[in-house]
């Protein structure tokens, strides 16, 4: 029987994330949920919409390189600025090697992730 609503545990299994991650997203109001007293429930439709909102499309690097090179033939274009802009955009939208790495912060005496700095 399809209940229609999923518990934190069921939703975490459905999405493939830890229950603690879902609790954090609920606390930060990053996703739609239903509260019944102390219980938190989700619908599959809401979970699917949440994931769709976070979809990151693949970038065709060769296509982007050709676009940059074709613009480079125009003497009025600042190629260095264009490359810097492209690199900055790719860092905003994609995974970087620093994700998840731990760094000691002087004076705090604890490890934090690069994203927290």
N, C-alpha and C. Protein backbone atom coordinates (compact mmCIF):
# COMPACT_ATOMS: atom_id res chain seq x y z
N UNK A 1 0.84 -1.18 0.00
CA UNK A 1 0.00 0.00 0.00
C UNK A 1 0.89 1.25 0.00
N UNK A 2 0.61 2.16 -0.92
CA UNK A 2 1.37 3.40 -1.01
C UNK A 2 0.78 4.41 -0.03
N UNK A 3 1.56 4.79 0.97
CA UNK A 3 1.09 5.71 2.01
C UNK A 3 0.95 7.14 1.50
N UNK A 4 1.73 7.49 0.51
CA UNK A 4 1.69 8.85 -0.01
C UNK A 4 2.70 9.77 0.66
N UNK A 5 3.02 9.50 1.92
CA UNK A 5 3.98 10.32 2.63
C UNK A 5 5.13 9.44 3.12
N UNK A 6 6.33 10.00 3.08
CA UNK A 6 7.52 9.27 3.50
C UNK A 6 8.08 9.87 4.78
N UNK A 7 8.60 9.02 5.64
CA UNK A 7 9.28 9.48 6.84
C UNK A 7 10.67 9.97 6.47
N UNK A 8 11.38 10.53 7.43
CA UNK A 8 12.76 10.97 7.20
C UNK A 8 13.60 9.80 6.70
N UNK A 9 13.48 8.65 7.36
CA UNK A 9 14.27 7.48 6.97
C UNK A 9 13.94 7.04 5.55
N UNK A 10 12.65 6.97 5.22
CA UNK A 10 12.24 6.55 3.87
C UNK A 10 12.69 7.57 2.82
N UNK A 11 12.55 8.86 3.14
CA UNK A 11 12.97 9.91 2.21
C UNK A 11 14.48 9.88 2.00
N UNK A 12 15.24 9.62 3.06
CA UNK A 12 16.70 9.57 2.93
C UNK A 12 17.11 8.39 2.06
N UNK A 13 16.42 7.27 2.20
CA UNK A 13 16.70 6.11 1.35
C UNK A 13 16.31 6.41 -0.10
N UNK A 14 15.18 7.07 -0.30
CA UNK A 14 14.70 7.43 -1.64
C UNK A 14 15.69 8.34 -2.35
N UNK A 15 16.24 9.32 -1.62
CA UNK A 15 17.18 10.28 -2.22
C UNK A 15 18.62 9.79 -2.18
N UNK A 16 18.90 8.81 -1.32
CA UNK A 16 20.27 8.33 -1.19
C UNK A 16 21.15 9.27 -0.39
N UNK A 17 20.55 9.92 0.61
CA UNK A 17 21.32 10.82 1.49
C UNK A 17 21.10 10.39 2.93
N UNK A 18 21.93 10.89 3.81
CA UNK A 18 21.81 10.56 5.23
C UNK A 18 20.61 11.29 5.84
N UNK A 19 19.95 10.65 6.81
CA UNK A 19 18.85 11.34 7.49
C UNK A 19 19.29 12.67 8.11
N UNK A 20 20.52 12.74 8.60
CA UNK A 20 21.01 13.99 9.20
C UNK A 20 21.06 15.10 8.15
N UNK A 21 21.35 14.76 6.91
CA UNK A 21 21.35 15.77 5.84
C UNK A 21 19.94 16.30 5.61
N UNK A 22 18.96 15.41 5.62
CA UNK A 22 17.57 15.85 5.46
C UNK A 22 17.14 16.75 6.62
N UNK A 23 17.50 16.35 7.84
CA UNK A 23 17.16 17.20 8.99
C UNK A 23 17.76 18.59 8.83
N UNK A 24 19.00 18.67 8.34
CA UNK A 24 19.64 19.98 8.14
C UNK A 24 18.90 20.80 7.10
N UNK A 25 18.48 20.13 6.00
CA UNK A 25 17.76 20.85 4.95
C UNK A 25 16.38 21.30 5.43
N UNK A 26 15.73 20.48 6.25
CA UNK A 26 14.44 20.86 6.82
C UNK A 26 14.63 22.05 7.75
N UNK A 27 15.63 21.98 8.61
CA UNK A 27 15.90 23.07 9.55
C UNK A 27 16.19 24.37 8.81
N UNK A 28 16.91 24.28 7.69
CA UNK A 28 17.23 25.46 6.90
C UNK A 28 16.12 25.84 5.92
N UNK A 29 15.00 25.10 5.96
CA UNK A 29 13.86 25.35 5.07
C UNK A 29 14.27 25.36 3.60
N UNK A 30 15.14 24.42 3.26
CA UNK A 30 15.61 24.29 1.89
C UNK A 30 14.69 23.42 1.04
N UNK A 31 13.78 22.71 1.69
CA UNK A 31 12.91 21.80 0.96
C UNK A 31 11.51 21.82 1.56
N UNK A 32 10.55 21.36 0.75
CA UNK A 32 9.17 21.29 1.18
C UNK A 32 8.96 20.04 2.03
N UNK A 33 8.27 20.19 3.13
CA UNK A 33 7.96 19.06 3.99
C UNK A 33 6.64 19.33 4.70
N UNK A 34 6.12 18.30 5.35
CA UNK A 34 4.88 18.41 6.10
C UNK A 34 5.19 18.04 7.54
N UNK A 35 4.66 18.83 8.47
CA UNK A 35 4.89 18.55 9.89
C UNK A 35 3.56 18.16 10.53
N UNK A 36 3.61 17.02 11.20
CA UNK A 36 2.46 16.55 11.96
C UNK A 36 2.96 16.38 13.39
N UNK A 37 2.69 17.36 14.22
CA UNK A 37 3.27 17.35 15.57
C UNK A 37 4.78 17.45 15.45
N UNK A 38 5.48 16.43 15.96
CA UNK A 38 6.94 16.40 15.84
C UNK A 38 7.42 15.62 14.63
N UNK A 39 6.49 14.96 13.94
CA UNK A 39 6.86 14.14 12.78
C UNK A 39 7.04 15.00 11.54
N UNK A 40 8.02 14.63 10.75
CA UNK A 40 8.28 15.31 9.48
C UNK A 40 8.01 14.31 8.38
N UNK A 41 7.20 14.70 7.40
CA UNK A 41 6.83 13.81 6.29
C UNK A 41 7.09 14.51 4.96
N UNK A 42 7.34 13.71 3.94
CA UNK A 42 7.62 14.22 2.60
C UNK A 42 6.75 13.47 1.59
N UNK A 43 6.47 14.11 0.46
CA UNK A 43 5.86 13.39 -0.66
C UNK A 43 6.94 13.14 -1.69
N UNK A 44 6.78 12.09 -2.47
CA UNK A 44 7.75 11.80 -3.51
C UNK A 44 7.79 12.93 -4.53
N UNK A 45 6.64 13.53 -4.81
CA UNK A 45 6.60 14.64 -5.77
C UNK A 45 7.44 15.81 -5.28
N UNK A 46 7.34 16.13 -3.98
CA UNK A 46 8.14 17.22 -3.42
C UNK A 46 9.63 16.89 -3.46
N UNK A 47 9.98 15.63 -3.16
CA UNK A 47 11.39 15.22 -3.19
C UNK A 47 11.93 15.28 -4.62
N UNK A 48 11.11 14.83 -5.58
CA UNK A 48 11.54 14.89 -6.99
C UNK A 48 11.72 16.33 -7.45
N UNK A 49 10.82 17.22 -7.04
CA UNK A 49 10.94 18.64 -7.41
C UNK A 49 12.20 19.24 -6.78
N UNK A 50 12.46 18.89 -5.53
CA UNK A 50 13.66 19.37 -4.83
C UNK A 50 14.91 18.97 -5.61
N UNK A 51 14.97 17.71 -6.04
CA UNK A 51 16.15 17.25 -6.79
C UNK A 51 16.23 17.91 -8.16
N UNK A 52 15.10 18.10 -8.82
CA UNK A 52 15.10 18.73 -10.14
C UNK A 52 15.62 20.16 -10.07
N UNK A 53 15.29 20.87 -8.97
CA UNK A 53 15.77 22.25 -8.79
C UNK A 53 17.29 22.30 -8.65
N UNK A 54 17.89 21.20 -8.24
CA UNK A 54 19.34 21.16 -8.01
C UNK A 54 20.10 20.49 -9.16
N UNK A 55 19.42 20.27 -10.25
CA UNK A 55 20.04 19.63 -11.41
C UNK A 55 21.11 20.55 -11.99
N UNK A 56 22.26 19.99 -12.27
CA UNK A 56 23.36 20.72 -12.88
C UNK A 56 23.65 20.05 -14.22
N UNK A 57 23.46 20.81 -15.29
CA UNK A 57 23.66 20.24 -16.62
C UNK A 57 25.14 20.15 -16.94
N UNK A 58 25.45 19.15 -17.73
CA UNK A 58 26.82 18.90 -18.18
C UNK A 58 27.26 20.03 -19.12
N UNK A 59 28.53 20.39 -19.05
CA UNK A 59 29.10 21.40 -19.93
C UNK A 59 29.98 20.70 -20.95
N UNK A 60 29.76 21.02 -22.22
CA UNK A 60 30.59 20.47 -23.28
C UNK A 60 31.85 21.33 -23.38
N UNK A 61 32.94 20.84 -22.82
CA UNK A 61 34.18 21.62 -22.73
C UNK A 61 34.71 21.99 -24.12
N UNK A 62 34.64 21.06 -25.06
CA UNK A 62 35.13 21.34 -26.41
C UNK A 62 34.33 22.47 -27.06
N UNK A 63 33.02 22.45 -26.89
CA UNK A 63 32.16 23.49 -27.45
C UNK A 63 32.50 24.85 -26.83
N UNK A 64 32.68 24.87 -25.50
CA UNK A 64 33.04 26.12 -24.83
C UNK A 64 34.40 26.62 -25.29
N UNK A 65 35.36 25.70 -25.47
CA UNK A 65 36.71 26.09 -25.94
C UNK A 65 36.64 26.68 -27.34
N UNK A 66 35.85 26.06 -28.23
CA UNK A 66 35.71 26.59 -29.60
C UNK A 66 35.09 27.98 -29.57
N UNK A 67 34.10 28.16 -28.69
CA UNK A 67 33.45 29.46 -28.57
C UNK A 67 34.45 30.52 -28.13
N UNK A 68 35.27 30.18 -27.15
CA UNK A 68 36.28 31.12 -26.65
C UNK A 68 37.31 31.43 -27.72
N UNK A 69 37.76 30.39 -28.43
CA UNK A 69 38.76 30.61 -29.47
C UNK A 69 38.21 31.43 -30.62
N UNK A 70 36.95 31.22 -30.98
CA UNK A 70 36.37 32.02 -32.07
C UNK A 70 36.27 33.48 -31.66
N UNK A 71 35.98 33.73 -30.39
CA UNK A 71 35.93 35.11 -29.91
C UNK A 71 37.32 35.72 -29.79
N UNK A 72 38.34 34.87 -29.62
CA UNK A 72 39.71 35.35 -29.45
C UNK A 72 40.25 35.98 -30.73
N UNK A 73 39.67 35.61 -31.87
CA UNK A 73 40.12 36.19 -33.14
C UNK A 73 39.68 37.63 -33.30
N UNK A 74 38.77 38.08 -32.47
CA UNK A 74 38.32 39.46 -32.48
C UNK A 74 39.30 40.28 -31.62
N UNK A 75 40.02 41.23 -32.20
CA UNK A 75 41.03 41.98 -31.44
C UNK A 75 40.45 42.84 -30.32
N UNK A 76 39.14 43.09 -30.33
CA UNK A 76 38.53 43.92 -29.30
C UNK A 76 38.14 43.12 -28.05
N UNK A 77 38.38 41.80 -28.06
CA UNK A 77 38.00 40.95 -26.94
C UNK A 77 39.21 40.73 -26.03
N UNK A 78 39.03 40.90 -24.74
CA UNK A 78 40.08 40.62 -23.75
C UNK A 78 40.01 39.13 -23.40
N UNK A 79 40.87 38.31 -24.02
CA UNK A 79 40.85 36.86 -23.85
C UNK A 79 41.09 36.47 -22.40
N UNK A 80 42.02 37.12 -21.74
CA UNK A 80 42.31 36.79 -20.35
C UNK A 80 41.08 36.98 -19.46
N UNK A 81 40.36 38.07 -19.66
CA UNK A 81 39.16 38.32 -18.86
C UNK A 81 38.09 37.28 -19.18
N UNK A 82 37.99 36.89 -20.44
CA UNK A 82 37.00 35.89 -20.85
C UNK A 82 37.31 34.53 -20.23
N UNK A 83 38.57 34.15 -20.21
CA UNK A 83 38.97 32.88 -19.60
C UNK A 83 38.73 32.92 -18.10
N UNK A 84 39.09 34.02 -17.45
CA UNK A 84 38.85 34.15 -16.01
C UNK A 84 37.37 34.04 -15.68
N UNK A 85 36.53 34.67 -16.52
CA UNK A 85 35.09 34.61 -16.31
C UNK A 85 34.59 33.17 -16.46
N UNK A 86 35.06 32.47 -17.48
CA UNK A 86 34.64 31.08 -17.70
C UNK A 86 35.07 30.18 -16.55
N UNK A 87 36.28 30.37 -16.06
CA UNK A 87 36.77 29.58 -14.93
C UNK A 87 35.93 29.87 -13.69
N UNK A 88 35.63 31.13 -13.44
CA UNK A 88 34.83 31.50 -12.28
C UNK A 88 33.43 30.89 -12.36
N UNK A 89 32.82 30.92 -13.55
CA UNK A 89 31.50 30.33 -13.72
C UNK A 89 31.53 28.83 -13.51
N UNK A 90 32.57 28.17 -14.00
CA UNK A 90 32.65 26.72 -13.84
C UNK A 90 32.85 26.34 -12.37
N UNK A 91 33.56 27.16 -11.62
CA UNK A 91 33.75 26.90 -10.18
C UNK A 91 32.45 27.09 -9.42
N UNK A 92 31.62 28.05 -9.85
CA UNK A 92 30.33 28.27 -9.20
C UNK A 92 29.40 27.09 -9.43
N UNK A 93 29.44 26.53 -10.63
CA UNK A 93 28.45 25.53 -11.03
C UNK A 93 28.93 24.10 -10.91
N UNK A 94 30.19 23.86 -10.64
CA UNK A 94 30.67 22.50 -10.68
C UNK A 94 31.43 22.08 -9.45
N UNK A 95 31.84 20.87 -9.45
CA UNK A 95 32.60 20.28 -8.36
C UNK A 95 34.05 20.70 -8.48
N UNK A 96 34.66 21.03 -7.36
CA UNK A 96 36.09 21.34 -7.36
C UNK A 96 36.80 20.37 -6.43
N UNK A 97 38.09 20.25 -6.58
CA UNK A 97 38.88 19.31 -5.80
C UNK A 97 38.84 19.64 -4.30
N UNK A 98 38.56 20.87 -3.95
CA UNK A 98 38.59 21.25 -2.54
C UNK A 98 37.33 20.84 -1.78
N UNK A 99 36.27 20.41 -2.47
CA UNK A 99 35.06 19.97 -1.77
C UNK A 99 35.37 18.81 -0.85
N UNK A 100 34.98 18.95 0.36
CA UNK A 100 35.12 17.87 1.33
C UNK A 100 36.47 17.79 2.00
N UNK A 101 37.47 18.54 1.53
CA UNK A 101 38.77 18.49 2.19
C UNK A 101 38.69 19.20 3.53
N UNK A 102 39.48 18.72 4.47
CA UNK A 102 39.50 19.32 5.80
C UNK A 102 40.75 20.16 5.96
N UNK A 103 40.61 21.29 6.61
CA UNK A 103 41.74 22.19 6.82
C UNK A 103 41.74 22.65 8.27
N UNK A 104 42.91 22.69 8.87
CA UNK A 104 43.02 23.24 10.22
C UNK A 104 43.05 24.76 10.11
N UNK A 105 42.24 25.40 10.94
CA UNK A 105 42.19 26.86 10.95
C UNK A 105 42.92 27.32 12.20
N UNK A 106 43.94 28.15 12.01
CA UNK A 106 44.72 28.64 13.14
C UNK A 106 43.83 29.42 14.08
N UNK A 107 44.01 29.16 15.36
CA UNK A 107 43.27 29.89 16.38
C UNK A 107 41.96 29.25 16.76
N UNK A 108 41.37 28.42 15.89
CA UNK A 108 40.10 27.79 16.22
C UNK A 108 40.32 26.43 16.86
N UNK A 109 41.45 25.78 16.57
CA UNK A 109 41.76 24.50 17.17
C UNK A 109 40.88 23.37 16.70
N UNK A 110 40.23 23.54 15.54
CA UNK A 110 39.39 22.46 15.02
C UNK A 110 39.47 22.47 13.51
N UNK A 111 39.01 21.35 12.92
CA UNK A 111 39.01 21.25 11.47
C UNK A 111 37.68 21.71 10.94
N UNK A 112 37.72 22.43 9.82
CA UNK A 112 36.51 22.85 9.14
C UNK A 112 36.68 22.57 7.66
N UNK A 113 35.59 22.47 6.93
CA UNK A 113 35.70 22.25 5.49
C UNK A 113 36.03 23.56 4.81
N UNK A 114 36.59 23.46 3.58
CA UNK A 114 36.95 24.66 2.83
C UNK A 114 35.73 25.56 2.61
N UNK A 115 34.55 24.95 2.40
CA UNK A 115 33.34 25.72 2.16
C UNK A 115 32.97 26.60 3.34
N UNK A 116 33.40 26.23 4.53
CA UNK A 116 33.05 27.00 5.73
C UNK A 116 33.99 28.17 5.95
N UNK A 117 35.08 28.26 5.21
CA UNK A 117 36.06 29.33 5.43
C UNK A 117 35.61 30.63 4.83
